[in-house]
Amino acid sequence: MTPLLESKAFDRGIDGAIQCFSREQAEALANFQADESLQKRLEELAEKCSEGDLSEEERAEYAGYVRANNFLSILQSKARVRLHELGE
C-alpha cells in the first residue's frame, strides 16, 4: 500500500470513531497534555537522543513515546475538527 493510500485509510478508520465523541469528549482530547513527569522524561530522552547517548532500551522507549505523540496529535487535530462541526 502506498503511503498516501495508507494515510487515507487511516483517516477513514479514525473519522468514524471521532464522530462518536461528544463535545465534552472532543474538548478533553483536544486539550490533553502529558503530565509533568512524562514531559520531563521526554525531554531527558530527547536530549540524550540529540547527543547520540541513548541506550538500546532508551531508544525503544523514546520511539514508543514518539509514536504515541504522533497518534495523539492526529487525534487532537480530528477532535478540533469535530468541535468545529459541533459549533464550538
PDB file of N, CA and C in Angstrom:
ATOM      1  N   MET A   1       0.852  -1.171   0.000  1.00  0.00           N
ATOM      2  CA  MET A   1       0.000   0.000   0.000  1.00  0.00           C
ATOM      3  C   MET A   1       0.901   1.239   0.000  1.00  0.00           C
ATOM      4  N   THR A   2       0.574   2.199  -0.826  1.00  0.00           N
ATOM      5  CA  THR A   2       1.371   3.418  -0.868  1.00  0.00           C
ATOM      6  C   THR A   2       1.091   4.260   0.367  1.00  0.00           C
ATOM      7  N   PRO A   3       2.038   5.126   0.735  1.00  0.00           N
ATOM      8  CA  PRO A   3       1.820   5.972   1.920  1.00  0.00           C
ATOM      9  C   PRO A   3       0.554   6.818   1.827  1.00  0.00           C
ATOM     10  N   LEU A   4       0.238   7.345   0.659  1.00  0.00           N
ATOM     11  CA  LEU A   4      -0.968   8.170   0.521  1.00  0.00           C
ATOM     12  C   LEU A   4      -2.226   7.333   0.753  1.00  0.00           C
ATOM     13  N   LEU A   5      -2.278   6.143   0.170  1.00  0.00           N
ATOM     14  CA  LEU A   5      -3.436   5.265   0.385  1.00  0.00           C
ATOM     15  C   LEU A   5      -3.530   4.835   1.849  1.00  0.00           C
ATOM     16  N   GLU A   6      -2.385   4.565   2.443  1.00  0.00           N
ATOM     17  CA  GLU A   6      -2.380   4.169   3.849  1.00  0.00           C
ATOM     18  C   GLU A   6      -2.897   5.314   4.715  1.00  0.00           C
ATOM     19  N   SER A   7      -2.480   6.529   4.420  1.00  0.00           N
ATOM     20  CA  SER A   7      -2.935   7.693   5.172  1.00  0.00           C
ATOM     21  C   SER A   7      -4.436   7.899   5.022  1.00  0.00           C
ATOM     22  N   LYS A   8      -4.940   7.756   3.806  1.00  0.00           N
ATOM     23  CA  LYS A   8      -6.380   7.911   3.575  1.00  0.00           C
ATOM     24  C   LYS A   8      -7.161   6.828   4.313  1.00  0.00           C
ATOM     25  N   ALA A   9      -6.657   5.605   4.305  1.00  0.00           N
ATOM     26  CA  ALA A   9      -7.321   4.507   5.006  1.00  0.00           C
ATOM     27  C   ALA A   9      -7.313   4.759   6.513  1.00  0.00           C
ATOM     28  N   PHE A  10      -6.197   5.231   7.026  1.00  0.00           N
ATOM     29  CA  PHE A  10      -6.097   5.550   8.446  1.00  0.00           C
ATOM     30  C   PHE A  10      -7.118   6.623   8.813  1.00  0.00           C
ATOM     31  N   ASP A  11      -7.164   7.695   8.024  1.00  0.00           N
ATOM     32  CA  ASP A  11      -8.124   8.771   8.279  1.00  0.00           C
ATOM     33  C   ASP A  11      -9.556   8.256   8.264  1.00  0.00           C
ATOM     34  N   ARG A  12      -9.871   7.457   7.282  1.00  0.00           N
ATOM     35  CA  ARG A  12     -11.234   6.925   7.176  1.00  0.00           C
ATOM     36  C   ARG A  12     -11.573   6.074   8.392  1.00  0.00           C
ATOM     37  N   GLY A  13     -10.618   5.297   8.851  1.00  0.00           N
ATOM     38  CA  GLY A  13     -10.847   4.451  10.019  1.00  0.00           C
ATOM     39  C   GLY A  13     -11.032   5.253  11.300  1.00  0.00           C
ATOM     40  N   ILE A  14     -10.302   6.316  11.446  1.00  0.00           N
ATOM     41  CA  ILE A  14     -10.377   7.144  12.645  1.00  0.00           C
ATOM     42  C   ILE A  14     -11.589   8.068  12.622  1.00  0.00           C
ATOM     43  N   ASP A  15     -11.930   8.605  11.455  1.00  0.00           N
ATOM     44  CA  ASP A  15     -13.011   9.587  11.358  1.00  0.00           C
ATOM     45  C   ASP A  15     -14.324   9.071  11.929  1.00  0.00           C
ATOM     46  N   GLY A  16     -14.650   7.828  11.672  1.00  0.00           N
ATOM     47  CA  GLY A  16     -15.892   7.267  12.201  1.00  0.00           C
ATOM     48  C   GLY A  16     -15.916   7.239  13.713  1.00  0.00           C
ATOM     49  N   ALA A  17     -14.779   6.906  14.303  1.00  0.00           N
ATOM     50  CA  ALA A  17     -14.706   6.867  15.770  1.00  0.00           C
ATOM     51  C   ALA A  17     -14.825   8.266  16.362  1.00  0.00           C
ATOM     52  N   ILE A  18     -14.210   9.233  15.723  1.00  0.00           N
ATOM     53  CA  ILE A  18     -14.250  10.613  16.227  1.00  0.00           C
ATOM     54  C   ILE A  18     -15.685  11.145  16.192  1.00  0.00           C
ATOM     55  N   GLN A  19     -16.483  10.713  15.242  1.00  0.00           N
ATOM     56  CA  GLN A  19     -17.873  11.164  15.148  1.00  0.00           C
ATOM     57  C   GLN A  19     -18.692  10.725  16.364  1.00  0.00           C
ATOM     58  N   CYS A  20     -18.214   9.740  17.088  1.00  0.00           N
ATOM     59  CA  CYS A  20     -18.906   9.271  18.295  1.00  0.00           C
ATOM     60  C   CYS A  20     -18.645  10.170  19.502  1.00  0.00           C
ATOM     61  N   PHE A  21     -17.674  11.052  19.393  1.00  0.00           N
ATOM     62  CA  PHE A  21     -17.301  11.892  20.531  1.00  0.00           C
ATOM     63  C   PHE A  21     -18.336  12.977  20.783  1.00  0.00           C
ATOM     64  N   SER A  22     -18.668  13.145  22.032  1.00  0.00           N
ATOM     65  CA  SER A  22     -19.499  14.276  22.447  1.00  0.00           C
ATOM     66  C   SER A  22     -18.623  15.527  22.460  1.00  0.00           C
ATOM     67  N   ARG A  23     -19.234  16.666  22.631  1.00  0.00           N
ATOM     68  CA  ARG A  23     -18.476  17.918  22.737  1.00  0.00           C
ATOM     69  C   ARG A  23     -17.452  17.826  23.879  1.00  0.00           C
ATOM     70  N   GLU A  24     -17.888  17.323  25.020  1.00  0.00           N
ATOM     71  CA  GLU A  24     -17.016  17.231  26.181  1.00  0.00           C
ATOM     72  C   GLU A  24     -15.825  16.308  25.921  1.00  0.00           C
ATOM     73  N   GLN A  25     -16.085  15.188  25.278  1.00  0.00           N
ATOM     74  CA  GLN A  25     -15.005  14.256  24.974  1.00  0.00           C
ATOM     75  C   GLN A  25     -14.025  14.859  23.970  1.00  0.00           C
ATOM     76  N   ALA A  26     -14.552  15.515  22.950  1.00  0.00           N
ATOM     77  CA  ALA A  26     -13.688  16.147  21.951  1.00  0.00           C
ATOM     78  C   ALA A  26     -12.847  17.248  22.587  1.00  0.00           C
ATOM     79  N   GLU A  27     -13.455  18.033  23.474  1.00  0.00           N
ATOM     80  CA  GLU A  27     -12.709  19.088  24.163  1.00  0.00           C
ATOM     81  C   GLU A  27     -11.601  18.498  25.041  1.00  0.00           C
ATOM     82  N   ALA A  28     -11.931  17.445  25.767  1.00  0.00           N
ATOM     83  CA  ALA A  28     -10.940  16.811  26.639  1.00  0.00           C
ATOM     84  C   ALA A  28      -9.758  16.292  25.822  1.00  0.00           C
ATOM     85  N   LEU A  29     -10.038  15.657  24.705  1.00  0.00           N
ATOM     86  CA  LEU A  29      -8.972  15.136  23.851  1.00  0.00           C
ATOM     87  C   LEU A  29      -8.165  16.272  23.228  1.00  0.00           C
ATOM     88  N   ALA A  30      -8.851  17.287  22.728  1.00  0.00           N
ATOM     89  CA  ALA A  30      -8.162  18.409  22.085  1.00  0.00           C
ATOM     90  C   ALA A  30      -7.238  19.131  23.065  1.00  0.00           C
ATOM     91  N   ASN A  31      -7.583  19.142  24.342  1.00  0.00           N
ATOM     92  CA  ASN A  31      -6.805  19.873  25.345  1.00  0.00           C
ATOM     93  C   ASN A  31      -5.854  18.994  26.153  1.00  0.00           C
ATOM     94  N   PHE A  32      -5.824  17.700  25.856  1.00  0.00           N
ATOM     95  CA  PHE A  32      -4.988  16.777  26.624  1.00  0.00           C
ATOM     96  C   PHE A  32      -3.510  17.131  26.494  1.00  0.00           C
ATOM     97  N   GLN A  33      -2.804  17.061  27.628  1.00  0.00           N
ATOM     98  CA  GLN A  33      -1.349  17.234  27.654  1.00  0.00           C
ATOM     99  C   GLN A  33      -0.758  16.193  28.585  1.00  0.00           C
ATOM    100  N   ALA A  34       0.432  15.774  28.270  1.00  0.00           N
ATOM    101  CA  ALA A  34       1.125  14.804  29.118  1.00  0.00           C
ATOM    102  C   ALA A  34       1.383  15.414  30.489  1.00  0.00           C
ATOM    103  N   ASP A  35       1.398  14.567  31.513  1.00  0.00           N
ATOM    104  CA  ASP A  35       1.681  15.075  32.854  1.00  0.00           C
ATOM    105  C   ASP A  35       3.153  15.497  32.959  1.00  0.00           C
ATOM    106  N   GLU A  36       3.445  16.193  34.036  1.00  0.00           N
ATOM    107  CA  GLU A  36       4.765  16.793  34.213  1.00  0.00           C
ATOM    108  C   GLU A  36       5.898  15.763  34.219  1.00  0.00           C
ATOM    109  N   SER A  37       5.668  14.623  34.862  1.00  0.00           N
ATOM    110  CA  SER A  37       6.735  13.610  34.930  1.00  0.00           C
ATOM    111  C   SER A  37       7.013  13.016  33.548  1.00  0.00           C
ATOM    112  N   LEU A  38       5.977  12.825  32.744  1.00  0.00           N
ATOM    113  CA  LEU A  38       6.187  12.321  31.393  1.00  0.00           C
ATOM    114  C   LEU A  38       6.899  13.364  30.537  1.00  0.00           C
ATOM    115  N   GLN A  39       6.503  14.623  30.666  1.00  0.00           N
ATOM    116  CA  GLN A  39       7.178  15.688  29.922  1.00  0.00           C
ATOM    117  C   GLN A  39       8.669  15.708  30.245  1.00  0.00           C
ATOM    118  N   LYS A  40       8.978  15.578  31.536  1.00  0.00           N
ATOM    119  CA  LYS A  40      10.378  15.588  31.961  1.00  0.00           C
ATOM    120  C   LYS A  40      11.137  14.413  31.341  1.00  0.00           C
ATOM    121  N   ARG A  41      10.518  13.233  31.353  1.00  0.00           N
ATOM    122  CA  ARG A  41      11.178  12.056  30.782  1.00  0.00           C
ATOM    123  C   ARG A  41      11.404  12.233  29.283  1.00  0.00           C
ATOM    124  N   LEU A  42      10.409  12.771  28.586  1.00  0.00           N
ATOM    125  CA  LEU A  42      10.558  13.014  27.151  1.00  0.00           C
ATOM    126  C   LEU A  42      11.700  13.975  26.867  1.00  0.00           C
ATOM    127  N   GLU A  43      11.811  15.014  27.667  1.00  0.00           N
ATOM    128  CA  GLU A  43      12.903  15.982  27.493  1.00  0.00           C
ATOM    129  C   GLU A  43      14.263  15.326  27.714  1.00  0.00           C
ATOM    130  N   GLU A  44      14.345  14.475  28.747  1.00  0.00           N
ATOM    131  CA  GLU A  44      15.600  13.754  29.017  1.00  0.00           C
ATOM    132  C   GLU A  44      15.988  12.874  27.834  1.00  0.00           C
ATOM    133  N   LEU A  45      15.019  12.112  27.344  1.00  0.00           N
ATOM    134  CA  LEU A  45      15.308  11.211  26.228  1.00  0.00           C
ATOM    135  C   LEU A  45      15.638  11.988  24.961  1.00  0.00           C
ATOM    136  N   ALA A  46      14.923  13.080  24.712  1.00  0.00           N
ATOM    137  CA  ALA A  46      15.191  13.890  23.515  1.00  0.00           C
ATOM    138  C   ALA A  46      16.604  14.459  23.557  1.00  0.00           C
ATOM    139  N   GLU A  47      17.017  14.923  24.727  1.00  0.00           N
ATOM    140  CA  GLU A  47      18.371  15.472  24.858  1.00  0.00           C
ATOM    141  C   GLU A  47      19.419  14.388  24.616  1.00  0.00           C
ATOM    142  N   LYS A  48      19.213  13.231  25.235  1.00  0.00           N
ATOM    143  CA  LYS A  48      20.155  12.129  25.036  1.00  0.00           C
ATOM    144  C   LYS A  48      20.186  11.674  23.582  1.00  0.00           C
ATOM    145  N   CYS A  49      19.023  11.707  22.934  1.00  0.00           N
ATOM    146  CA  CYS A  49      18.954  11.318  21.523  1.00  0.00           C
ATOM    147  C   CYS A  49      19.753  12.296  20.672  1.00  0.00           C
ATOM    148  N   SER A  50      19.591  13.578  20.936  1.00  0.00           N
ATOM    149  CA  SER A  50      20.312  14.604  20.189  1.00  0.00           C
ATOM    150  C   SER A  50      21.822  14.459  20.346  1.00  0.00           C
ATOM    151  N   GLU A  51      22.232  13.996  21.507  1.00  0.00           N
ATOM    152  CA  GLU A  51      23.655  13.812  21.787  1.00  0.00           C
ATOM    153  C   GLU A  51      24.165  12.440  21.348  1.00  0.00           C
ATOM    154  N   GLY A  52      23.247  11.574  20.892  1.00  0.00           N
ATOM    155  CA  GLY A  52      23.638  10.235  20.476  1.00  0.00           C
ATOM    156  C   GLY A  52      23.964   9.323  21.639  1.00  0.00           C
ATOM    157  N   ASP A  53      23.372   9.578  22.802  1.00  0.00           N
ATOM    158  CA  ASP A  53      23.704   8.833  24.012  1.00  0.00           C
ATOM    159  C   ASP A  53      22.607   7.898  24.506  1.00  0.00           C
ATOM    160  N   LEU A  54      21.639   7.563  23.671  1.00  0.00           N
ATOM    161  CA  LEU A  54      20.567   6.671  24.109  1.00  0.00           C
ATOM    162  C   LEU A  54      21.046   5.225  24.126  1.00  0.00           C
ATOM    163  N   SER A  55      20.691   4.511  25.189  1.00  0.00           N
ATOM    164  CA  SER A  55      20.911   3.067  25.208  1.00  0.00           C
ATOM    165  C   SER A  55      19.864   2.430  24.292  1.00  0.00           C
ATOM    166  N   GLU A  56      20.008   1.174  24.019  1.00  0.00           N
ATOM    167  CA  GLU A  56      19.031   0.467  23.173  1.00  0.00           C
ATOM    168  C   GLU A  56      17.647   0.490  23.815  1.00  0.00           C
ATOM    169  N   GLU A  57      17.605   0.302  25.136  1.00  0.00           N
ATOM    170  CA  GLU A  57      16.334   0.323  25.860  1.00  0.00           C
ATOM    171  C   GLU A  57      15.698   1.718  25.805  1.00  0.00           C
ATOM    172  N   GLU A  58      16.516   2.744  25.984  1.00  0.00           N
ATOM    173  CA  GLU A  58      16.009   4.114  25.927  1.00  0.00           C
ATOM    174  C   GLU A  58      15.538   4.468  24.516  1.00  0.00           C
ATOM    175  N   ARG A  59      16.232   3.964  23.521  1.00  0.00           N
ATOM    176  CA  ARG A  59      15.834   4.216  22.127  1.00  0.00           C
ATOM    177  C   ARG A  59      14.448   3.627  21.855  1.00  0.00           C
ATOM    178  N   ALA A  60      14.205   2.430  22.364  1.00  0.00           N
ATOM    179  CA  ALA A  60      12.898   1.794  22.194  1.00  0.00           C
ATOM    180  C   ALA A  60      11.821   2.572  22.958  1.00  0.00           C
ATOM    181  N   GLU A  61      12.144   3.000  24.169  1.00  0.00           N
ATOM    182  CA  GLU A  61      11.200   3.784  24.963  1.00  0.00           C
ATOM    183  C   GLU A  61      10.865   5.091  24.243  1.00  0.00           C
ATOM    184  N   TYR A  62      11.895   5.783  23.769  1.00  0.00           N
ATOM    185  CA  TYR A  62      11.706   7.064  23.088  1.00  0.00           C
ATOM    186  C   TYR A  62      10.887   6.880  21.805  1.00  0.00           C
ATOM    187  N   ALA A  63      11.169   5.824  21.065  1.00  0.00           N
ATOM    188  CA  ALA A  63      10.417   5.547  19.834  1.00  0.00           C
ATOM    189  C   ALA A  63       8.935   5.325  20.153  1.00  0.00           C
ATOM    190  N   GLY A  64       8.660   4.651  21.257  1.00  0.00           N
ATOM    191  CA  GLY A  64       7.272   4.439  21.665  1.00  0.00           C
ATOM    192  C   GLY A  64       6.571   5.747  21.990  1.00  0.00           C
ATOM    193  N   TYR A  65       7.274   6.632  22.685  1.00  0.00           N
ATOM    194  CA  TYR A  65       6.698   7.939  23.001  1.00  0.00           C
ATOM    195  C   TYR A  65       6.467   8.773  21.742  1.00  0.00           C
ATOM    196  N   VAL A  66       7.399   8.708  20.805  1.00  0.00           N
ATOM    197  CA  VAL A  66       7.250   9.455  19.553  1.00  0.00           C
ATOM    198  C   VAL A  66       6.034   8.941  18.783  1.00  0.00           C
ATOM    199  N   ARG A  67       5.872   7.631  18.708  1.00  0.00           N
ATOM    200  CA  ARG A  67       4.712   7.058  18.015  1.00  0.00           C
ATOM    201  C   ARG A  67       3.414   7.472  18.700  1.00  0.00           C
ATOM    202  N   ALA A  68       3.388   7.394  20.022  1.00  0.00           N
ATOM    203  CA  ALA A  68       2.187   7.787  20.770  1.00  0.00           C
ATOM    204  C   ALA A  68       1.883   9.263  20.549  1.00  0.00           C
ATOM    205  N   ASN A  69       2.914  10.099  20.549  1.00  0.00           N
ATOM    206  CA  ASN A  69       2.719  11.533  20.352  1.00  0.00           C
ATOM    207  C   ASN A  69       2.178  11.817  18.957  1.00  0.00           C
ATOM    208  N   ASN A  70       2.694  11.130  17.951  1.00  0.00           N
ATOM    209  CA  ASN A  70       2.189  11.321  16.585  1.00  0.00           C
ATOM    210  C   ASN A  70       0.713  10.935  16.490  1.00  0.00           C
ATOM    211  N   PHE A  71       0.361   9.820  17.074  1.00  0.00           N
ATOM    212  CA  PHE A  71      -1.020   9.358  17.059  1.00  0.00           C
ATOM    213  C   PHE A  71      -1.923  10.336  17.810  1.00  0.00           C
ATOM    214  N   LEU A  72      -1.476  10.768  18.978  1.00  0.00           N
ATOM    215  CA  LEU A  72      -2.248  11.717  19.767  1.00  0.00           C
ATOM    216  C   LEU A  72      -2.438  13.037  19.019  1.00  0.00           C
ATOM    217  N   SER A  73      -1.412  13.485  18.325  1.00  0.00           N
ATOM    218  CA  SER A  73      -1.521  14.727  17.553  1.00  0.00           C
ATOM    219  C   SER A  73      -2.596  14.618  16.477  1.00  0.00           C
ATOM    220  N   ILE A  74      -2.655  13.466  15.824  1.00  0.00           N
ATOM    221  CA  ILE A  74      -3.683  13.242  14.802  1.00  0.00           C
ATOM    222  C   ILE A  74      -5.067  13.252  15.451  1.00  0.00           C
ATOM    223  N   LEU A  75      -5.202  12.540  16.564  1.00  0.00           N
ATOM    224  CA  LEU A  75      -6.498  12.504  17.256  1.00  0.00           C
ATOM    225  C   LEU A  75      -6.913  13.892  17.724  1.00  0.00           C
ATOM    226  N   GLN A  76      -5.975  14.660  18.244  1.00  0.00           N
ATOM    227  CA  GLN A  76      -6.308  16.006  18.704  1.00  0.00           C
ATOM    228  C   GLN A  76      -6.749  16.892  17.541  1.00  0.00           C
ATOM    229  N   SER A  77      -6.096  16.764  16.416  1.00  0.00           N
ATOM    230  CA  SER A  77      -6.495  17.532  15.238  1.00  0.00           C
ATOM    231  C   SER A  77      -7.913  17.170  14.817  1.00  0.00           C
ATOM    232  N   LYS A  78      -8.202  15.895  14.813  1.00  0.00           N
ATOM    233  CA  LYS A  78      -9.535  15.443  14.433  1.00  0.00           C
ATOM    234  C   LYS A  78     -10.584  15.854  15.471  1.00  0.00           C
ATOM    235  N   ALA A  79     -10.198  15.892  16.735  1.00  0.00           N
ATOM    236  CA  ALA A  79     -11.113  16.358  17.779  1.00  0.00           C
ATOM    237  C   ALA A  79     -11.439  17.834  17.581  1.00  0.00           C
ATOM    238  N   ARG A  80     -10.458  18.611  17.160  1.00  0.00           N
ATOM    239  CA  ARG A  80     -10.709  20.034  16.896  1.00  0.00           C
ATOM    240  C   ARG A  80     -11.662  20.211  15.717  1.00  0.00           C
ATOM    241  N   VAL A  81     -11.504  19.374  14.699  1.00  0.00           N
ATOM    242  CA  VAL A  81     -12.435  19.408  13.560  1.00  0.00           C
ATOM    243  C   VAL A  81     -13.834  19.046  14.051  1.00  0.00           C
ATOM    244  N   ARG A  82     -13.926  18.038  14.901  1.00  0.00           N
ATOM    245  CA  ARG A  82     -15.218  17.622  15.460  1.00  0.00           C
ATOM    246  C   ARG A  82     -15.858  18.773  16.235  1.00  0.00           C
ATOM    247  N   LEU A  83     -15.081  19.481  17.019  1.00  0.00           N
ATOM    248  CA  LEU A  83     -15.606  20.618  17.768  1.00  0.00           C
ATOM    249  C   LEU A  83     -16.140  21.698  16.819  1.00  0.00           C
ATOM    250  N   HIS A  84     -15.429  21.912  15.734  1.00  0.00           N
ATOM    251  CA  HIS A  84     -15.885  22.874  14.739  1.00  0.00           C
ATOM    252  C   HIS A  84     -17.223  22.429  14.133  1.00  0.00           C
ATOM    253  N   GLU A  85     -17.323  21.130  13.853  1.00  0.00           N
ATOM    254  CA  GLU A  85     -18.580  20.592  13.305  1.00  0.00           C
ATOM    255  C   GLU A  85     -19.729  20.755  14.294  1.00  0.00           C
ATOM    256  N   LEU A  86     -19.427  20.629  15.574  1.00  0.00           N
ATOM    257  CA  LEU A  86     -20.450  20.748  16.612  1.00  0.00           C
ATOM    258  C   LEU A  86     -20.756  22.206  16.940  1.00  0.00           C
ATOM    259  N   GLY A  87     -20.041  23.116  16.296  1.00  0.00           N
ATOM    260  CA  GLY A  87     -20.291  24.524  16.532  1.00  0.00           C
ATOM    261  C   GLY A  87     -19.632  25.039  17.796  1.00  0.00           C
ATOM    262  N   GLU A  88     -18.373  24.682  17.964  1.00  0.00           N
ATOM    263  CA  GLU A  88     -17.591  25.071  19.137  1.00  0.00           C
ATOM    264  C   GLU A  88     -17.908  26.455  19.508  1.00  0.00           C
TER     265      GLU A  88
END
